[in-house]
């Protein structure tokens, strides 16, 4: 067995546990169980069929309900039937309504992940799903700034627990080198939702004044209803843990292969000591910072892609349709990058490289003249692919380097809460309506700067883990050690 083996030497494990990183190296359900690679692959495929498509569908609906406000903002704007006009909100007020979602998102990440473990994943995720679906439908009835702000806060509260909850949920089922690609399939459903959302907004735009309702109201109603209905499917059909879902030899294999890696359903929920250990593990703050950096372009693209395409010479329903290609390309690139990152155990370098590519795309778009519509549209596609594709390896990297069940749940929630919550707030403000004629230079330069920061931070964190691994090997005295994932 090599130094990269999952087996750990006791002294090294104790040393890591002092810093909140190591969990039990034994499995409470089964002793060491011998199995072949073919048997393991069969079990993983069975797990994949049961949970990955359903998790991707859940996040697809979540992202659709979260980002459709960007479509509603300009839908049928020339007829003065868009959301901003009909609610009587200014540009500043509308952005405040976008931001309040992120405030709630940041506040409720951590408690939601704790409740997921206590209340069981299927039940908690189904509850969240029904809640955000109902609120999305309610957004179709708002008529004022106050109503919009209240609805967006509640939407953020219910959606806050989904993505960190899904990432945490995967750690109960998959090994370290299997997670990034599955996170990618789930997260890529957001890019698919972005593409589908633009096409759907184009279609629903033709329903303007049907039954006396503006098309943007129909957009919220028709996109919120599937989430409410699908919540019942999640409650009854999403498996909670592998030891409950699988039977016989498959169950034994699933538990044996996660004997050291992965979260355990039998482990206790969060304690004060778990929280202290995780909060004082300072290397984790490097992960939180780079996730903060990538969340700015993620947020701004989610909310403003329709506005950006409208600034490229496309208008109304055509602008909705032209949001599809950037998301479609990002979907494919995201899957390929995540597979490669796991396969080569190079999550940090993949994240850094594609953050750099995304930064170049934004920078080129900012430097090009505003009238260079075709070139700037190509840059938008490159920037979107780079920004979105570096996120799944980041999350796989984090969960691979935190080892106890409770610590993983808290670290993921802090990472997404600080990054996707606080980090997305600047993204609400950087694409200014009065800069549309100039090609949104503030937005593009800000996103370029943040992605350059992610590239530098990811490279630095990769070097830190390389140094720590060499130190662990030197101190092991030839014994087996568990190394940090790269």
Protein backbone atom coordinates (compact mmCIF):
# COMPACT_ATOMS: atom_id res chain seq x y z
CA UNK A 1 0.00 0.00 0.00
CA UNK A 2 1.30 3.46 -0.91
CA UNK A 3 1.42 6.72 0.97
CA UNK A 4 -1.74 7.83 -0.81
CA UNK A 5 -3.66 4.93 0.68
CA UNK A 6 -6.83 5.68 2.60
CA UNK A 7 -5.47 3.84 5.62
CA UNK A 8 -4.09 6.12 8.30
CA UNK A 9 -1.44 5.72 10.92
CA UNK A 10 -2.85 6.33 14.43
CA UNK A 11 -0.41 9.08 15.37
CA UNK A 12 -1.12 11.04 12.19
CA UNK A 13 -4.87 10.63 12.64
CA UNK A 14 -4.67 11.91 16.21
CA UNK A 15 -2.64 14.88 15.05
CA UNK A 16 -5.24 15.75 12.41
CA UNK A 17 -8.13 15.20 14.80
CA UNK A 18 -6.72 17.85 17.11
CA UNK A 19 -7.38 20.28 14.25
CA UNK A 20 -10.90 19.02 13.52
CA UNK A 21 -9.94 17.11 10.42
CA UNK A 22 -10.02 13.40 11.17
CA UNK A 23 -12.92 11.09 11.91
CA UNK A 24 -13.17 7.45 12.86
CA UNK A 25 -11.25 5.08 10.61
CA UNK A 26 -13.71 2.26 11.30
CA UNK A 27 -17.19 1.57 10.07
CA UNK A 28 -19.85 0.86 12.67
CA UNK A 29 -21.89 -1.33 10.37
CA UNK A 30 -19.48 -3.83 8.93
CA UNK A 31 -15.99 -5.21 9.43
CA UNK A 32 -13.40 -5.10 6.66
CA UNK A 33 -15.09 -6.61 3.62
CA UNK A 34 -13.28 -7.88 0.55
CA UNK A 35 -14.64 -6.92 -2.87
CA UNK A 36 -13.46 -6.50 -6.43
CA UNK A 37 -13.25 -3.32 -8.48
CA UNK A 38 -16.02 -4.62 -10.73
CA UNK A 39 -18.31 -5.15 -7.74
CA UNK A 40 -17.54 -1.68 -6.46
CA UNK A 41 -18.28 -0.10 -9.83
CA UNK A 42 -21.62 -1.90 -9.95
CA UNK A 43 -22.57 -0.53 -6.52
CA UNK A 44 -21.52 3.00 -7.48
CA UNK A 45 -23.59 2.82 -10.67
CA UNK A 46 -26.60 1.68 -8.66
CA UNK A 47 -26.13 4.63 -6.30
CA UNK A 48 -25.70 7.00 -9.23
CA UNK A 49 -28.96 5.92 -10.84
CA UNK A 50 -30.83 6.38 -7.58
CA UNK A 51 -29.58 9.77 -6.43
CA UNK A 52 -27.62 11.79 -9.01
CA UNK A 53 -30.45 12.41 -11.54
CA UNK A 54 -32.87 13.25 -8.74
CA UNK A 55 -30.40 15.60 -7.02
CA UNK A 56 -29.64 17.29 -10.35
CA UNK A 57 -33.36 17.73 -11.02
CA UNK A 58 -33.87 19.27 -7.57
CA UNK A 59 -31.08 21.79 -8.13
CA UNK A 60 -32.32 22.47 -11.66
CA UNK A 61 -35.68 23.57 -10.27
CA UNK A 62 -34.02 25.50 -7.45
CA UNK A 63 -31.82 27.48 -9.82
CA UNK A 64 -34.68 28.05 -12.22
CA UNK A 65 -36.77 29.55 -9.40
CA UNK A 66 -33.86 31.62 -8.10
CA UNK A 67 -32.64 33.16 -11.34
CA UNK A 68 -35.92 33.73 -13.17
CA UNK A 69 -36.15 37.19 -11.64
CA UNK A 70 -33.41 38.22 -14.09
CA UNK A 71 -35.65 37.13 -16.95
CA UNK A 72 -38.72 38.77 -15.37
CA UNK A 73 -36.87 42.04 -15.04
CA UNK A 74 -36.72 42.66 -18.81
CA UNK A 75 -39.51 40.40 -20.09
CA UNK A 76 -41.70 42.49 -22.46
CA UNK A 77 -39.92 45.66 -21.33
CA UNK A 78 -40.74 47.53 -24.55
CA UNK A 79 -44.45 47.09 -23.79
CA UNK A 80 -43.86 48.31 -20.20
CA UNK A 81 -45.08 44.95 -18.88
CA UNK A 82 -41.79 43.90 -17.26
CA UNK A 83 -41.50 43.21 -13.52
CA UNK A 84 -39.52 46.33 -12.65
CA UNK A 85 -42.02 48.64 -14.32
CA UNK A 86 -45.16 46.96 -12.98
CA UNK A 87 -43.89 46.86 -9.38
CA UNK A 88 -42.87 50.51 -9.59
CA UNK A 89 -39.34 49.85 -8.38
CA UNK A 90 -36.24 51.81 -9.24
CA UNK A 91 -33.00 50.23 -10.38
CA UNK A 92 -31.62 50.58 -6.85
CA UNK A 93 -34.72 49.06 -5.21
CA UNK A 94 -34.74 46.13 -7.60
CA UNK A 95 -31.10 45.39 -6.78
CA UNK A 96 -31.92 45.57 -3.07
CA UNK A 97 -34.57 42.92 -3.62
CA UNK A 98 -31.95 40.77 -5.35
CA UNK A 99 -29.50 41.29 -2.50
CA UNK A 100 -31.92 40.47 0.32
CA UNK A 101 -32.16 36.94 -1.07
CA UNK A 102 -28.42 36.55 -0.52
CA UNK A 103 -28.60 37.88 3.05
CA UNK A 104 -31.09 35.15 3.93
CA UNK A 105 -29.02 32.65 1.95
CA UNK A 106 -25.94 33.38 4.05
CA UNK A 107 -27.79 33.30 7.38
CA UNK A 108 -29.53 29.95 6.98
CA UNK A 109 -26.80 27.78 5.41
CA UNK A 110 -25.28 26.40 8.62
CA UNK A 111 -28.50 25.65 10.55
CA UNK A 112 -29.94 23.97 7.47
CA UNK A 113 -27.03 21.52 7.15
CA UNK A 114 -27.34 20.65 10.83
CA UNK A 115 -31.07 19.98 10.38
CA UNK A 116 -30.43 17.85 7.30
CA UNK A 117 -28.47 15.38 9.43
CA UNK A 118 -30.99 15.48 12.30
CA UNK A 119 -34.19 15.23 10.25
CA UNK A 120 -32.95 12.96 7.42
CA UNK A 121 -32.00 14.24 3.97
CA UNK A 122 -35.12 13.29 1.99
CA UNK A 123 -37.54 14.89 4.43
CA UNK A 124 -35.57 18.09 4.88
CA UNK A 125 -34.84 18.62 1.19
CA UNK A 126 -38.48 17.96 0.28
CA UNK A 127 -39.62 20.51 2.87
CA UNK A 128 -37.22 23.13 1.47
CA UNK A 129 -38.32 22.36 -2.07
CA UNK A 130 -42.02 22.79 -1.37
CA UNK A 131 -41.29 26.04 0.46
CA UNK A 132 -39.29 27.71 -2.30
CA UNK A 133 -41.73 26.51 -4.98
CA UNK A 134 -44.67 28.08 -3.14
CA UNK A 135 -42.81 31.34 -2.59
CA UNK A 136 -41.77 31.48 -6.26
CA UNK A 137 -45.41 31.20 -7.25
CA UNK A 138 -46.17 33.94 -4.73
CA UNK A 139 -43.68 36.22 -6.47
CA UNK A 140 -46.06 36.19 -9.40
CA UNK A 141 -48.50 38.15 -7.28
CA UNK A 142 -46.26 40.90 -5.88
CA UNK A 143 -47.12 44.47 -6.80
CA UNK A 144 -44.77 46.54 -4.68
CA UNK A 145 -41.17 46.85 -3.52
CA UNK A 146 -42.06 45.65 -0.02
CA UNK A 147 -43.76 42.51 -1.29
CA UNK A 148 -40.83 41.73 -3.55
CA UNK A 149 -38.31 42.12 -0.73
CA UNK A 150 -40.32 39.93 1.65
CA UNK A 151 -40.78 37.18 -0.91
CA UNK A 152 -37.12 37.24 -1.93
CA UNK A 153 -35.99 36.96 1.71
CA UNK A 154 -38.20 33.92 2.26
CA UNK A 155 -36.98 32.41 -1.01
CA UNK A 156 -33.39 32.80 0.15
CA UNK A 157 -34.22 31.20 3.49
CA UNK A 158 -35.66 28.07 1.87
CA UNK A 159 -33.09 27.78 -0.93
CA UNK A 160 -30.13 28.34 1.41
CA UNK A 161 -29.99 24.74 2.56
CA UNK A 162 -30.22 23.03 -0.79
CA UNK A 163 -26.81 23.24 -2.44
CA UNK A 164 -24.64 22.80 0.69
CA UNK A 165 -27.10 20.10 1.74
CA UNK A 166 -26.65 18.22 -1.53
CA UNK A 167 -22.85 18.48 -1.34
CA UNK A 168 -22.94 17.22 2.27
CA UNK A 169 -25.39 14.46 1.27
CA UNK A 170 -22.98 13.15 -1.38
CA UNK A 171 -20.26 12.64 1.24
CA UNK A 172 -22.41 9.88 2.78
CA UNK A 173 -22.34 7.98 -0.53
CA UNK A 174 -19.05 8.64 -2.35
CA UNK A 175 -15.31 8.57 -1.86
CA UNK A 176 -13.12 11.64 -2.23
CA UNK A 177 -12.14 10.97 -5.84
CA UNK A 178 -15.76 10.41 -6.86
CA UNK A 179 -17.36 13.62 -5.62
CA UNK A 180 -16.31 16.45 -7.95
CA UNK A 181 -17.86 14.87 -11.02
CA UNK A 182 -21.14 14.26 -9.17
CA UNK A 183 -21.15 17.77 -7.75
CA UNK A 184 -20.57 18.89 -11.35
CA UNK A 185 -23.59 16.98 -12.65
CA UNK A 186 -25.69 18.65 -9.96
CA UNK A 187 -24.20 22.12 -10.36
CA UNK A 188 -24.24 21.80 -14.14
CA UNK A 189 -28.00 21.50 -13.90
CA UNK A 190 -27.85 25.18 -12.90
CA UNK A 191 -26.24 26.02 -16.23
CA UNK A 192 -28.85 23.84 -17.89
CA UNK A 193 -31.53 25.74 -15.97
CA UNK A 194 -30.00 28.99 -17.17
CA UNK A 195 -30.22 27.81 -20.76
CA UNK A 196 -33.70 26.35 -20.32
CA UNK A 197 -34.84 29.39 -18.34
CA UNK A 198 -34.01 31.70 -21.21
CA UNK A 199 -35.86 29.51 -23.69
CA UNK A 200 -38.82 29.16 -21.32
CA UNK A 201 -38.95 32.91 -20.73
CA UNK A 202 -38.98 33.36 -24.52
CA UNK A 203 -42.00 31.05 -24.76
CA UNK A 204 -43.86 32.44 -21.75
CA UNK A 205 -43.21 35.95 -23.04
CA UNK A 206 -45.89 35.25 -25.65
CA UNK A 207 -48.43 34.78 -22.84
CA UNK A 208 -48.34 38.47 -21.99
CA UNK A 209 -51.79 39.62 -20.72
CA UNK A 210 -53.22 36.09 -20.87
CA UNK A 211 -56.03 36.05 -18.28
CA UNK A 212 -55.10 39.65 -17.58
CA UNK A 213 -51.65 38.78 -16.21
CA UNK A 214 -48.31 40.05 -17.47
CA UNK A 215 -45.95 37.37 -18.80
CA UNK A 216 -43.49 37.83 -15.93
CA UNK A 217 -46.22 36.80 -13.47
CA UNK A 218 -46.90 33.65 -15.49
CA UNK A 219 -43.15 33.00 -15.47
CA UNK A 220 -43.05 32.76 -11.67
CA UNK A 221 -46.29 30.77 -11.43
CA UNK A 222 -45.35 28.20 -14.07
CA UNK A 223 -41.77 27.77 -12.84
CA UNK A 224 -42.69 27.53 -9.15
CA UNK A 225 -45.41 24.89 -9.48
CA UNK A 226 -43.08 22.03 -10.57
CA UNK A 227 -40.98 22.50 -7.42
CA UNK A 228 -44.04 22.12 -5.19
CA UNK A 229 -45.17 18.98 -7.00
CA UNK A 230 -41.68 17.45 -7.16
CA UNK A 231 -41.23 17.84 -3.40
CA UNK A 232 -43.54 14.87 -2.87
CA UNK A 233 -41.38 12.72 -5.17
CA UNK A 234 -38.25 13.71 -3.21
CA UNK A 235 -39.90 12.85 0.11
CA UNK A 236 -40.77 9.32 -1.02
CA UNK A 237 -38.05 8.42 -3.54
CA UNK A 238 -34.76 10.08 -2.50
CA UNK A 239 -32.71 7.50 -0.52
CA UNK A 240 -31.31 8.80 2.75
CA UNK A 241 -28.20 6.66 3.32
CA UNK A 242 -26.52 3.75 1.50
CA UNK A 243 -26.98 1.32 4.40
CA UNK A 244 -30.75 1.83 4.14
CA UNK A 245 -31.02 1.85 0.37
CA UNK A 246 -28.80 -1.12 -0.50
CA UNK A 247 -29.25 -4.74 0.56
CA UNK A 248 -27.05 -7.77 1.08
CA UNK A 249 -23.60 -7.77 -0.51
CA UNK A 250 -24.15 -4.36 -2.13
CA UNK A 251 -24.74 -2.84 1.30
CA UNK A 252 -21.59 -4.43 2.68
CA UNK A 253 -19.51 -3.13 -0.25
CA UNK A 254 -20.93 0.39 0.06
CA UNK A 255 -20.06 0.54 3.75
CA UNK A 256 -16.67 -1.13 3.45
CA UNK A 257 -15.46 1.22 0.72
CA UNK A 258 -16.34 4.24 2.89
CA UNK A 259 -14.76 2.76 6.00
CA UNK A 260 -12.32 5.69 6.24
CA UNK A 261 -13.58 8.21 3.71
CA UNK A 262 -17.02 9.75 3.75
CA UNK A 263 -19.60 10.85 6.29
CA UNK A 264 -21.45 8.29 8.43
CA UNK A 265 -25.17 8.39 9.27
CA UNK A 266 -24.43 6.81 12.67
CA UNK A 267 -22.06 9.59 13.71
CA UNK A 268 -23.36 12.22 16.07
CA UNK A 269 -24.61 15.55 14.81
CA UNK A 270 -22.76 18.78 15.45
CA UNK A 271 -21.28 19.33 18.93
CA UNK A 272 -19.56 22.44 20.30
CA UNK A 273 -16.21 20.64 20.06
CA UNK A 274 -16.85 19.80 16.39
CA UNK A 275 -17.72 23.42 15.73
CA UNK A 276 -14.64 24.69 17.55
CA UNK A 277 -12.32 22.30 15.71
CA UNK A 278 -13.73 23.26 12.32
CA UNK A 279 -13.78 26.99 13.01
CA UNK A 280 -10.15 26.98 14.14
CA UNK A 281 -8.82 24.90 11.23
CA UNK A 282 -7.30 27.90 9.47
CA UNK A 283 -6.45 26.20 6.18
CA UNK A 284 -10.20 25.91 5.53
CA UNK A 285 -10.42 29.68 5.32
CA UNK A 286 -8.33 29.50 2.15
CA UNK A 287 -11.14 27.42 0.62
CA UNK A 288 -13.76 29.89 1.82
CA UNK A 289 -11.89 32.84 0.33
CA UNK A 290 -11.50 31.39 -3.15
CA UNK A 291 -15.14 30.30 -3.12
CA UNK A 292 -16.04 33.89 -2.21
CA UNK A 293 -14.08 35.00 -5.27
CA UNK A 294 -15.83 32.71 -7.73
CA UNK A 295 -19.26 33.51 -6.28
CA UNK A 296 -19.15 37.08 -7.59
CA UNK A 297 -19.19 36.07 -11.30
CA UNK A 298 -21.50 33.15 -10.50
CA UNK A 299 -24.03 35.54 -8.96
CA UNK A 300 -23.75 38.27 -11.57
CA UNK A 301 -24.07 35.82 -14.48
CA UNK A 302 -27.08 34.17 -12.81
CA UNK A 303 -28.92 37.45 -12.44
CA UNK A 304 -27.69 39.60 -15.30
CA UNK A 305 -27.04 37.35 -18.30
CA UNK A 306 -30.35 38.48 -19.88
CA UNK A 307 -29.34 42.12 -19.30
CA UNK A 308 -25.82 41.49 -20.64
CA UNK A 309 -27.17 39.91 -23.82
CA UNK A 310 -29.64 42.80 -24.13
CA UNK A 311 -26.60 45.09 -24.11
CA UNK A 312 -25.11 43.13 -27.01
CA UNK A 313 -27.74 44.27 -29.47
CA UNK A 314 -30.46 41.75 -28.65
CA UNK A 315 -33.81 42.89 -27.31
CA UNK A 316 -36.82 41.54 -25.44
CA UNK A 317 -37.57 37.89 -26.31
CA UNK A 318 -34.47 37.58 -28.51
CA UNK A 319 -32.31 38.59 -25.53
CA UNK A 320 -33.90 35.76 -23.52
CA UNK A 321 -33.10 33.26 -26.27
CA UNK A 322 -29.47 34.39 -26.58
CA UNK A 323 -28.81 33.47 -22.93
CA UNK A 324 -28.98 29.79 -23.94
CA UNK A 325 -25.57 29.22 -25.68
CA UNK A 326 -23.34 30.50 -22.81
CA UNK A 327 -25.07 28.17 -20.36
CA UNK A 328 -25.11 25.25 -22.77
CA UNK A 329 -21.35 25.48 -23.37
CA UNK A 330 -20.69 25.92 -19.63
CA UNK A 331 -22.67 22.73 -18.93
CA UNK A 332 -20.41 20.58 -21.13
CA UNK A 333 -17.15 22.19 -19.99
CA UNK A 334 -18.13 21.84 -16.33
CA UNK A 335 -18.65 18.08 -16.62
CA UNK A 336 -15.36 17.49 -18.47
CA UNK A 337 -13.28 19.63 -16.10
CA UNK A 338 -14.72 17.95 -13.00
CA UNK A 339 -14.05 14.46 -14.34
CA UNK A 340 -10.47 15.41 -15.14
CA UNK A 341 -9.93 17.04 -11.72
CA UNK A 342 -11.01 13.89 -9.87
CA UNK A 343 -9.22 11.54 -12.26
CA UNK A 344 -5.84 13.25 -11.90
CA UNK A 345 -6.29 14.29 -8.23
CA UNK A 346 -5.65 17.89 -9.33
CA UNK A 347 -8.71 19.81 -8.17
CA UNK A 348 -6.76 22.90 -7.15
CA UNK A 349 -4.94 23.30 -10.43
CA UNK A 350 -8.08 22.67 -12.48
CA UNK A 351 -9.98 25.31 -10.51
CA UNK A 352 -7.12 27.77 -10.87
CA UNK A 353 -6.68 27.15 -14.60
CA UNK A 354 -10.31 27.59 -15.53
CA UNK A 355 -10.73 30.58 -13.24
CA UNK A 356 -7.85 32.13 -15.21
CA UNK A 357 -9.61 31.31 -18.51
CA UNK A 358 -12.82 32.87 -17.23
CA UNK A 359 -10.92 35.97 -16.12
CA UNK A 360 -9.43 36.36 -19.60
CA UNK A 361 -12.93 36.14 -21.09
CA UNK A 362 -14.26 38.91 -18.85
CA UNK A 363 -11.18 41.06 -19.34
CA UNK A 364 -11.36 40.77 -23.13
CA UNK A 365 -15.05 41.68 -23.04
CA UNK A 366 -14.22 44.80 -21.00
CA UNK A 367 -11.43 45.83 -23.39
CA UNK A 368 -13.35 45.33 -26.62
CA UNK A 369 -15.32 48.30 -28.01
CA UNK A 370 -19.02 48.28 -27.03
CA UNK A 371 -20.03 47.87 -30.67
CA UNK A 372 -18.08 44.59 -31.09
CA UNK A 373 -21.18 42.55 -30.34
CA UNK A 374 -20.12 39.23 -31.85
CA UNK A 375 -16.69 39.24 -30.20
CA UNK A 376 -18.10 40.26 -26.83
CA UNK A 377 -20.74 37.54 -27.06
CA UNK A 378 -17.98 34.97 -27.69
CA UNK A 379 -16.14 36.35 -24.65
CA UNK A 380 -19.30 35.92 -22.57
CA UNK A 381 -19.41 32.24 -23.55
CA UNK A 382 -15.72 31.75 -22.61
CA UNK A 383 -16.12 33.67 -19.34
CA UNK A 384 -19.23 31.69 -18.35
CA UNK A 385 -17.56 28.35 -19.09
CA UNK A 386 -14.47 29.27 -17.06
CA UNK A 387 -16.37 30.70 -14.09
CA UNK A 388 -18.86 27.85 -13.75
CA UNK A 389 -16.45 24.98 -14.38
CA UNK A 390 -14.04 25.79 -11.56
CA UNK A 391 -16.73 25.48 -8.86
CA UNK A 392 -17.30 21.67 -8.63
CA UNK A 393 -13.58 20.85 -8.18
CA UNK A 394 -13.43 23.46 -5.40
CA UNK A 395 -16.25 21.76 -3.51
CA UNK A 396 -14.85 18.28 -4.11
CA UNK A 397 -11.48 19.53 -2.87
CA UNK A 398 -12.94 20.90 0.35
CA UNK A 399 -14.95 17.79 1.24
CA UNK A 400 -11.92 15.58 0.48
CA UNK A 401 -9.82 17.41 3.04
CA UNK A 402 -12.26 17.42 5.97
CA UNK A 403 -12.77 14.02 7.50
CA UNK A 404 -15.33 13.91 10.33
CA UNK A 405 -19.05 13.79 9.53
CA UNK A 406 -19.99 16.83 11.59
CA UNK A 407 -17.02 18.88 10.38
CA UNK A 408 -17.84 18.20 6.73
CA UNK A 409 -21.38 19.46 7.21
CA UNK A 410 -20.24 22.65 8.94
CA UNK A 411 -17.33 23.32 6.57
CA UNK A 412 -19.51 22.94 3.47
CA UNK A 413 -22.17 25.22 4.97
CA UNK A 414 -19.59 27.86 5.91
CA UNK A 415 -17.97 27.62 2.50
CA UNK A 416 -21.21 28.04 0.59
CA UNK A 417 -22.69 30.45 3.17
CA UNK A 418 -19.73 32.80 3.16
CA UNK A 419 -19.02 32.35 -0.53
CA UNK A 420 -22.43 31.94 -2.12
CA UNK A 421 -24.08 34.19 0.45
CA UNK A 422 -21.68 37.04 1.16
CA UNK A 423 -19.69 36.49 -2.02
CA UNK A 424 -22.69 36.85 -4.28
CA UNK A 425 -23.79 40.18 -2.82
CA UNK A 426 -21.25 42.25 -4.82
CA UNK A 427 -22.46 40.48 -7.95
CA UNK A 428 -25.85 42.16 -7.53
CA UNK A 429 -24.37 45.63 -7.93
CA UNK A 430 -21.60 45.42 -10.51
CA UNK A 431 -23.69 45.35 -13.70
CA UNK A 432 -25.07 48.88 -13.73
CA UNK A 433 -27.94 49.78 -16.03
CA UNK A 434 -26.40 53.14 -16.89
CA UNK A 435 -23.31 51.32 -18.27
CA UNK A 436 -25.21 49.19 -20.78
CA UNK A 437 -24.23 51.39 -23.73
CA UNK A 438 -20.57 51.15 -22.66
CA UNK A 439 -20.66 47.34 -22.41
CA UNK A 440 -20.85 47.02 -18.61
CA UNK A 441 -17.13 47.68 -17.93
CA UNK A 442 -17.51 47.68 -14.11
CA UNK A 443 -19.12 44.25 -14.10
CA UNK A 444 -16.62 42.67 -16.48
CA UNK A 445 -13.55 44.14 -14.76
CA UNK A 446 -14.80 43.12 -11.32
CA UNK A 447 -15.46 39.55 -12.43
CA UNK A 448 -12.06 39.37 -14.13
CA UNK A 449 -10.32 40.59 -10.95
CA UNK A 450 -12.17 38.08 -8.75
CA UNK A 451 -11.34 35.18 -11.04
CA UNK A 452 -7.67 36.18 -11.16
CA UNK A 453 -7.81 36.13 -7.35
CA UNK A 454 -9.33 32.62 -7.47
CA UNK A 455 -6.58 31.43 -9.82
CA UNK A 456 -3.86 32.79 -7.52
CA UNK A 457 -5.56 31.52 -4.36
CA UNK A 458 -6.18 28.05 -5.78
CA UNK A 459 -2.53 27.77 -6.82
CA UNK A 460 -1.34 28.91 -3.38
CA UNK A 461 -3.63 26.43 -1.60
CA UNK A 462 -2.38 23.63 -3.85
CA UNK A 463 1.21 24.48 -2.93
CA UNK A 464 0.28 24.52 0.77
CA UNK A 465 -1.22 21.04 0.57
CA UNK A 466 1.78 19.78 -1.33
CA UNK A 467 4.03 21.08 1.46
CA UNK A 468 1.82 19.51 4.14
CA UNK A 469 1.85 16.15 2.38
CA UNK A 470 5.64 16.12 2.16
CA UNK A 471 5.78 16.95 5.87
CA UNK A 472 3.35 14.14 6.75
CA UNK A 473 5.45 11.65 4.77
CA UNK A 474 8.65 12.75 6.49
CA UNK A 475 7.07 12.45 9.95
CA UNK A 476 5.43 9.09 9.27
CA UNK A 477 8.66 7.12 9.45
CA UNK A 478 7.60 4.91 6.56
CA UNK A 479 4.18 4.18 8.05
CA UNK A 480 0.93 4.56 6.13
CA UNK A 481 -0.50 8.08 6.17
CA UNK A 482 -3.56 9.78 4.75
CA UNK A 483 -2.48 12.64 2.57
CA UNK A 484 -4.42 15.75 1.69
CA UNK A 485 -6.19 15.72 -1.65
CA UNK A 486 -4.71 18.06 -4.23
